[in-house]
Amino acid sequence: MEKVQFNVPSLWADHHTLKVREVLSQLPGVTDIVASSAFRVVAMSYDPALVTPGAIMAALDEAGYPIATAGAEVLTQPVPVQNGRRDPAWDRLGFRVAKTDPRDVKR
């Protein structure tokens, strides 16, 4: 198994993380999917004998979640997530605000 992490700028709410996890879980060989709307990052393990990073990127793009290119406004540091524990990113941010993004209303 290999690991890969992508920056996904359009991952800005919890319902997006659910959709991304659903899309990726349907790919053969993709496991351990972590999607963070706080950092707009998707990380996973994958079996290179069954799927390539390019195929993963294409699946995300087709679902409406294209991978960030150079210069995109996305936090690029990996966020460790421990099984069964809350996302430590919220501690680093210091607060959590729930607000509907206007881009969600237009979908």
N, C-alpha and C. Protein backbone atom coordinates (compact mmCIF):
# COMPACT_ATOMS: atom_id res chain seq x y z
N MET A 1 0.84 -1.19 0.00
CA MET A 1 0.00 0.00 0.00
C MET A 1 0.88 1.25 0.00
N GLU A 2 0.45 2.22 -0.75
CA GLU A 2 1.09 3.53 -0.80
C GLU A 2 0.14 4.54 -0.18
N LYS A 3 0.69 5.72 0.15
CA LYS A 3 -0.14 6.80 0.70
C LYS A 3 -0.02 8.01 -0.22
N VAL A 4 -1.11 8.75 -0.33
CA VAL A 4 -1.11 9.95 -1.14
C VAL A 4 -2.02 10.99 -0.47
N GLN A 5 -1.68 12.25 -0.67
CA GLN A 5 -2.48 13.35 -0.12
C GLN A 5 -2.67 14.41 -1.20
N PHE A 6 -3.88 14.92 -1.32
CA PHE A 6 -4.20 15.94 -2.31
C PHE A 6 -4.81 17.15 -1.63
N ASN A 7 -4.51 18.33 -2.15
CA ASN A 7 -5.17 19.56 -1.73
C ASN A 7 -6.39 19.74 -2.62
N VAL A 8 -7.54 19.95 -2.00
CA VAL A 8 -8.81 20.06 -2.73
C VAL A 8 -9.50 21.36 -2.31
N PRO A 9 -9.30 22.46 -3.05
CA PRO A 9 -9.85 23.76 -2.65
C PRO A 9 -11.37 23.79 -2.51
N SER A 10 -12.10 22.97 -3.24
CA SER A 10 -13.57 23.02 -3.18
C SER A 10 -14.14 22.17 -2.05
N LEU A 11 -13.30 21.70 -1.17
CA LEU A 11 -13.72 20.89 -0.02
C LEU A 11 -13.89 21.82 1.18
N TRP A 12 -15.03 22.54 1.25
CA TRP A 12 -15.17 23.57 2.28
C TRP A 12 -16.26 23.29 3.31
N ALA A 13 -16.90 22.14 3.26
CA ALA A 13 -17.94 21.84 4.24
C ALA A 13 -18.01 20.33 4.46
N ASP A 14 -18.65 19.96 5.56
CA ASP A 14 -18.71 18.54 5.92
C ASP A 14 -19.41 17.68 4.87
N HIS A 15 -20.44 18.22 4.21
CA HIS A 15 -21.12 17.40 3.21
C HIS A 15 -20.21 17.13 2.01
N HIS A 16 -19.24 17.99 1.78
CA HIS A 16 -18.26 17.73 0.71
C HIS A 16 -17.34 16.59 1.11
N THR A 17 -16.94 16.55 2.37
CA THR A 17 -16.07 15.45 2.81
C THR A 17 -16.79 14.12 2.69
N LEU A 18 -18.09 14.10 2.98
CA LEU A 18 -18.87 12.87 2.84
C LEU A 18 -18.91 12.41 1.38
N LYS A 19 -19.12 13.35 0.47
CA LYS A 19 -19.17 13.02 -0.96
C LYS A 19 -17.82 12.50 -1.44
N VAL A 20 -16.75 13.16 -1.04
CA VAL A 20 -15.41 12.74 -1.46
C VAL A 20 -15.11 11.34 -0.94
N ARG A 21 -15.46 11.08 0.31
CA ARG A 21 -15.23 9.74 0.87
C ARG A 21 -16.05 8.69 0.11
N GLU A 22 -17.28 9.04 -0.26
CA GLU A 22 -18.13 8.12 -1.01
C GLU A 22 -17.51 7.80 -2.38
N VAL A 23 -17.06 8.83 -3.08
CA VAL A 23 -16.46 8.65 -4.40
C VAL A 23 -15.20 7.79 -4.31
N LEU A 24 -14.33 8.11 -3.36
CA LEU A 24 -13.06 7.39 -3.26
C LEU A 24 -13.25 5.96 -2.76
N SER A 25 -14.23 5.73 -1.92
CA SER A 25 -14.44 4.37 -1.40
C SER A 25 -14.91 3.41 -2.49
N GLN A 26 -15.40 3.93 -3.60
CA GLN A 26 -15.84 3.10 -4.71
C GLN A 26 -14.68 2.68 -5.63
N LEU A 27 -13.53 3.29 -5.46
CA LEU A 27 -12.37 2.93 -6.28
C LEU A 27 -11.70 1.67 -5.72
N PRO A 28 -11.32 0.75 -6.58
CA PRO A 28 -10.66 -0.46 -6.08
C PRO A 28 -9.29 -0.12 -5.50
N GLY A 29 -8.99 -0.67 -4.34
CA GLY A 29 -7.68 -0.50 -3.74
C GLY A 29 -7.50 0.75 -2.91
N VAL A 30 -8.52 1.59 -2.78
CA VAL A 30 -8.42 2.82 -1.97
C VAL A 30 -8.98 2.54 -0.58
N THR A 31 -8.18 2.82 0.45
CA THR A 31 -8.60 2.60 1.84
C THR A 31 -8.12 3.75 2.71
N ASP A 32 -8.50 3.73 3.97
CA ASP A 32 -8.03 4.70 4.98
C ASP A 32 -8.21 6.14 4.50
N ILE A 33 -9.38 6.48 4.01
CA ILE A 33 -9.65 7.80 3.45
C ILE A 33 -9.90 8.80 4.58
N VAL A 34 -9.16 9.89 4.56
CA VAL A 34 -9.36 10.99 5.50
C VAL A 34 -9.57 12.26 4.69
N ALA A 35 -10.70 12.92 4.91
CA ALA A 35 -11.00 14.17 4.22
C ALA A 35 -11.25 15.25 5.27
N SER A 36 -10.54 16.37 5.16
CA SER A 36 -10.67 17.45 6.13
C SER A 36 -11.12 18.72 5.43
N SER A 37 -12.32 19.18 5.78
CA SER A 37 -12.78 20.46 5.22
C SER A 37 -12.07 21.63 5.90
N ALA A 38 -11.53 21.42 7.09
CA ALA A 38 -10.79 22.48 7.78
C ALA A 38 -9.52 22.84 7.01
N PHE A 39 -8.85 21.83 6.47
CA PHE A 39 -7.60 22.06 5.75
C PHE A 39 -7.71 21.80 4.27
N ARG A 40 -8.91 21.40 3.82
CA ARG A 40 -9.16 21.13 2.40
C ARG A 40 -8.15 20.14 1.83
N VAL A 41 -8.00 19.06 2.57
CA VAL A 41 -7.04 18.02 2.24
C VAL A 41 -7.74 16.67 2.24
N VAL A 42 -7.35 15.82 1.29
CA VAL A 42 -7.81 14.43 1.24
C VAL A 42 -6.57 13.54 1.23
N ALA A 43 -6.52 12.59 2.15
CA ALA A 43 -5.41 11.66 2.23
C ALA A 43 -5.96 10.24 2.24
N MET A 44 -5.20 9.30 1.71
CA MET A 44 -5.66 7.92 1.66
C MET A 44 -4.50 6.97 1.40
N SER A 45 -4.76 5.70 1.61
CA SER A 45 -3.85 4.64 1.20
C SER A 45 -4.44 4.03 -0.06
N TYR A 46 -3.55 3.53 -0.93
CA TYR A 46 -4.05 2.90 -2.15
C TYR A 46 -3.09 1.79 -2.57
N ASP A 47 -3.64 0.82 -3.26
CA ASP A 47 -2.87 -0.30 -3.77
C ASP A 47 -2.48 0.04 -5.21
N PRO A 48 -1.19 0.28 -5.49
CA PRO A 48 -0.79 0.68 -6.84
C PRO A 48 -1.03 -0.40 -7.90
N ALA A 49 -1.28 -1.63 -7.47
CA ALA A 49 -1.61 -2.69 -8.43
C ALA A 49 -3.06 -2.56 -8.91
N LEU A 50 -3.89 -1.82 -8.16
CA LEU A 50 -5.31 -1.70 -8.50
C LEU A 50 -5.72 -0.31 -8.98
N VAL A 51 -5.02 0.73 -8.54
CA VAL A 51 -5.42 2.09 -8.88
C VAL A 51 -4.18 3.00 -8.86
N THR A 52 -4.19 4.03 -9.69
CA THR A 52 -3.08 4.99 -9.74
C THR A 52 -3.52 6.32 -9.14
N PRO A 53 -2.55 7.14 -8.71
CA PRO A 53 -2.92 8.49 -8.25
C PRO A 53 -3.66 9.28 -9.34
N GLY A 54 -3.29 9.06 -10.60
CA GLY A 54 -3.99 9.74 -11.70
C GLY A 54 -5.45 9.36 -11.77
N ALA A 55 -5.75 8.09 -11.55
CA ALA A 55 -7.15 7.65 -11.56
C ALA A 55 -7.91 8.22 -10.37
N ILE A 56 -7.24 8.34 -9.24
CA ILE A 56 -7.86 8.94 -8.06
C ILE A 56 -8.17 10.41 -8.33
N MET A 57 -7.20 11.10 -8.90
CA MET A 57 -7.40 12.52 -9.23
C MET A 57 -8.54 12.69 -10.23
N ALA A 58 -8.61 11.80 -11.22
CA ALA A 58 -9.67 11.88 -12.23
C ALA A 58 -11.04 11.65 -11.60
N ALA A 59 -11.12 10.71 -10.67
CA ALA A 59 -12.41 10.44 -9.99
C ALA A 59 -12.85 11.66 -9.17
N LEU A 60 -11.90 12.29 -8.48
CA LEU A 60 -12.23 13.50 -7.72
C LEU A 60 -12.67 14.63 -8.64
N ASP A 61 -11.96 14.81 -9.74
CA ASP A 61 -12.28 15.86 -10.70
C ASP A 61 -13.67 15.64 -11.29
N GLU A 62 -13.97 14.40 -11.66
CA GLU A 62 -15.28 14.07 -12.24
C GLU A 62 -16.41 14.32 -11.24
N ALA A 63 -16.13 14.14 -9.96
CA ALA A 63 -17.14 14.38 -8.92
C ALA A 63 -17.27 15.86 -8.56
N GLY A 64 -16.44 16.71 -9.16
CA GLY A 64 -16.53 18.15 -8.89
C GLY A 64 -15.55 18.65 -7.84
N TYR A 65 -14.52 17.84 -7.56
CA TYR A 65 -13.53 18.20 -6.56
C TYR A 65 -12.13 18.13 -7.16
N PRO A 66 -11.79 19.08 -8.05
CA PRO A 66 -10.48 19.03 -8.70
C PRO A 66 -9.34 19.28 -7.71
N ILE A 67 -8.21 18.69 -7.99
CA ILE A 67 -7.01 18.84 -7.15
C ILE A 67 -6.41 20.22 -7.39
N ALA A 68 -5.88 20.83 -6.33
CA ALA A 68 -5.28 22.16 -6.41
C ALA A 68 -4.03 22.13 -7.27
N THR A 69 -3.83 23.20 -7.98
CA THR A 69 -2.60 23.37 -8.76
C THR A 69 -1.70 24.34 -8.00
N ALA A 70 -0.49 24.54 -8.47
CA ALA A 70 0.46 25.43 -7.81
C ALA A 70 -0.16 26.81 -7.63
N GLY A 71 -0.01 27.35 -6.43
CA GLY A 71 -0.50 28.69 -6.14
C GLY A 71 -1.92 28.74 -5.62
N ALA A 72 -2.61 27.60 -5.58
CA ALA A 72 -3.98 27.60 -5.04
C ALA A 72 -3.94 27.88 -3.55
N GLU A 73 -4.95 28.56 -3.06
CA GLU A 73 -4.99 28.94 -1.65
C GLU A 73 -5.47 27.78 -0.79
N VAL A 74 -4.56 26.88 -0.52
CA VAL A 74 -4.88 25.70 0.29
C VAL A 74 -3.72 25.46 1.24
N LEU A 75 -4.05 25.10 2.48
CA LEU A 75 -3.03 24.72 3.44
C LEU A 75 -2.37 23.43 2.96
N THR A 76 -1.06 23.38 2.90
CA THR A 76 -0.40 22.24 2.29
C THR A 76 0.29 21.31 3.28
N GLN A 77 0.21 21.58 4.57
CA GLN A 77 0.84 20.70 5.54
C GLN A 77 -0.09 19.54 5.86
N PRO A 78 0.45 18.32 5.94
CA PRO A 78 -0.41 17.19 6.29
C PRO A 78 -0.97 17.33 7.69
N VAL A 79 -2.19 16.87 7.88
CA VAL A 79 -2.86 16.93 9.16
C VAL A 79 -2.99 15.51 9.70
N PRO A 80 -2.29 15.18 10.80
CA PRO A 80 -2.41 13.82 11.33
C PRO A 80 -3.79 13.60 11.95
N VAL A 81 -4.37 12.48 11.67
CA VAL A 81 -5.66 12.12 12.26
C VAL A 81 -5.51 10.74 12.87
N GLN A 82 -5.85 10.63 14.14
CA GLN A 82 -5.73 9.36 14.84
C GLN A 82 -7.07 8.66 14.81
N ASN A 83 -7.05 7.36 14.61
CA ASN A 83 -8.29 6.59 14.56
C ASN A 83 -9.08 6.75 15.86
N GLY A 84 -10.37 7.03 15.69
CA GLY A 84 -11.25 7.13 16.85
C GLY A 84 -11.11 8.40 17.65
N ARG A 85 -10.34 9.36 17.19
CA ARG A 85 -10.16 10.60 17.95
C ARG A 85 -10.55 11.78 17.06
N ARG A 86 -10.93 12.85 17.70
CA ARG A 86 -11.35 14.01 16.92
C ARG A 86 -10.16 14.62 16.18
N ASP A 87 -10.45 15.35 15.15
CA ASP A 87 -9.43 15.95 14.30
C ASP A 87 -8.63 16.98 15.10
N PRO A 88 -7.32 16.80 15.28
CA PRO A 88 -6.52 17.76 16.05
C PRO A 88 -6.41 19.13 15.38
N ALA A 89 -6.83 19.22 14.13
CA ALA A 89 -6.77 20.51 13.43
C ALA A 89 -7.61 21.56 14.13
N TRP A 90 -8.74 21.15 14.72
CA TRP A 90 -9.59 22.13 15.39
C TRP A 90 -8.85 22.77 16.56
N ASP A 91 -7.99 22.04 17.25
CA ASP A 91 -7.21 22.62 18.34
C ASP A 91 -6.26 23.69 17.82
N ARG A 92 -5.65 23.43 16.68
CA ARG A 92 -4.71 24.40 16.11
C ARG A 92 -5.41 25.64 15.59
N LEU A 93 -6.63 25.48 15.09
CA LEU A 93 -7.36 26.64 14.59
C LEU A 93 -7.85 27.53 15.72
N GLY A 94 -8.14 26.94 16.87
CA GLY A 94 -8.56 27.72 18.03
C GLY A 94 -10.05 28.01 18.10
N PHE A 95 -10.78 27.81 17.01
CA PHE A 95 -12.21 28.04 17.01
C PHE A 95 -12.83 27.30 15.83
N ARG A 96 -14.13 27.18 15.88
CA ARG A 96 -14.85 26.56 14.77
C ARG A 96 -16.08 27.40 14.50
N VAL A 97 -16.25 27.79 13.26
CA VAL A 97 -17.39 28.59 12.86
C VAL A 97 -18.17 27.82 11.81
N ALA A 98 -19.46 27.70 12.02
CA ALA A 98 -20.31 27.05 11.03
C ALA A 98 -21.06 28.14 10.28
N LYS A 99 -20.76 28.28 9.01
CA LYS A 99 -21.39 29.29 8.19
C LYS A 99 -21.58 28.71 6.79
N THR A 100 -22.73 28.91 6.21
CA THR A 100 -22.98 28.41 4.87
C THR A 100 -22.17 29.21 3.87
N ASP A 101 -21.41 28.50 3.08
CA ASP A 101 -20.63 29.15 2.04
C ASP A 101 -21.58 29.46 0.88
N PRO A 102 -21.55 30.68 0.36
CA PRO A 102 -22.47 31.05 -0.74
C PRO A 102 -22.34 30.12 -1.94
N ARG A 103 -21.18 29.52 -2.15
CA ARG A 103 -21.01 28.61 -3.28
C ARG A 103 -21.88 27.37 -3.12
N ASP A 104 -22.18 26.97 -1.87
CA ASP A 104 -23.03 25.81 -1.63
C ASP A 104 -24.49 26.09 -2.02
N VAL A 105 -24.93 27.30 -1.84
CA VAL A 105 -26.32 27.65 -2.11
C VAL A 105 -26.60 27.58 -3.60
N LYS A 106 -25.59 27.83 -4.41
CA LYS A 106 -25.76 27.85 -5.87
C LYS A 106 -25.76 26.46 -6.49
N ARG A 107 -25.42 25.43 -5.72
CA ARG A 107 -25.35 24.07 -6.30
C ARG A 107 -26.68 23.49 -6.51
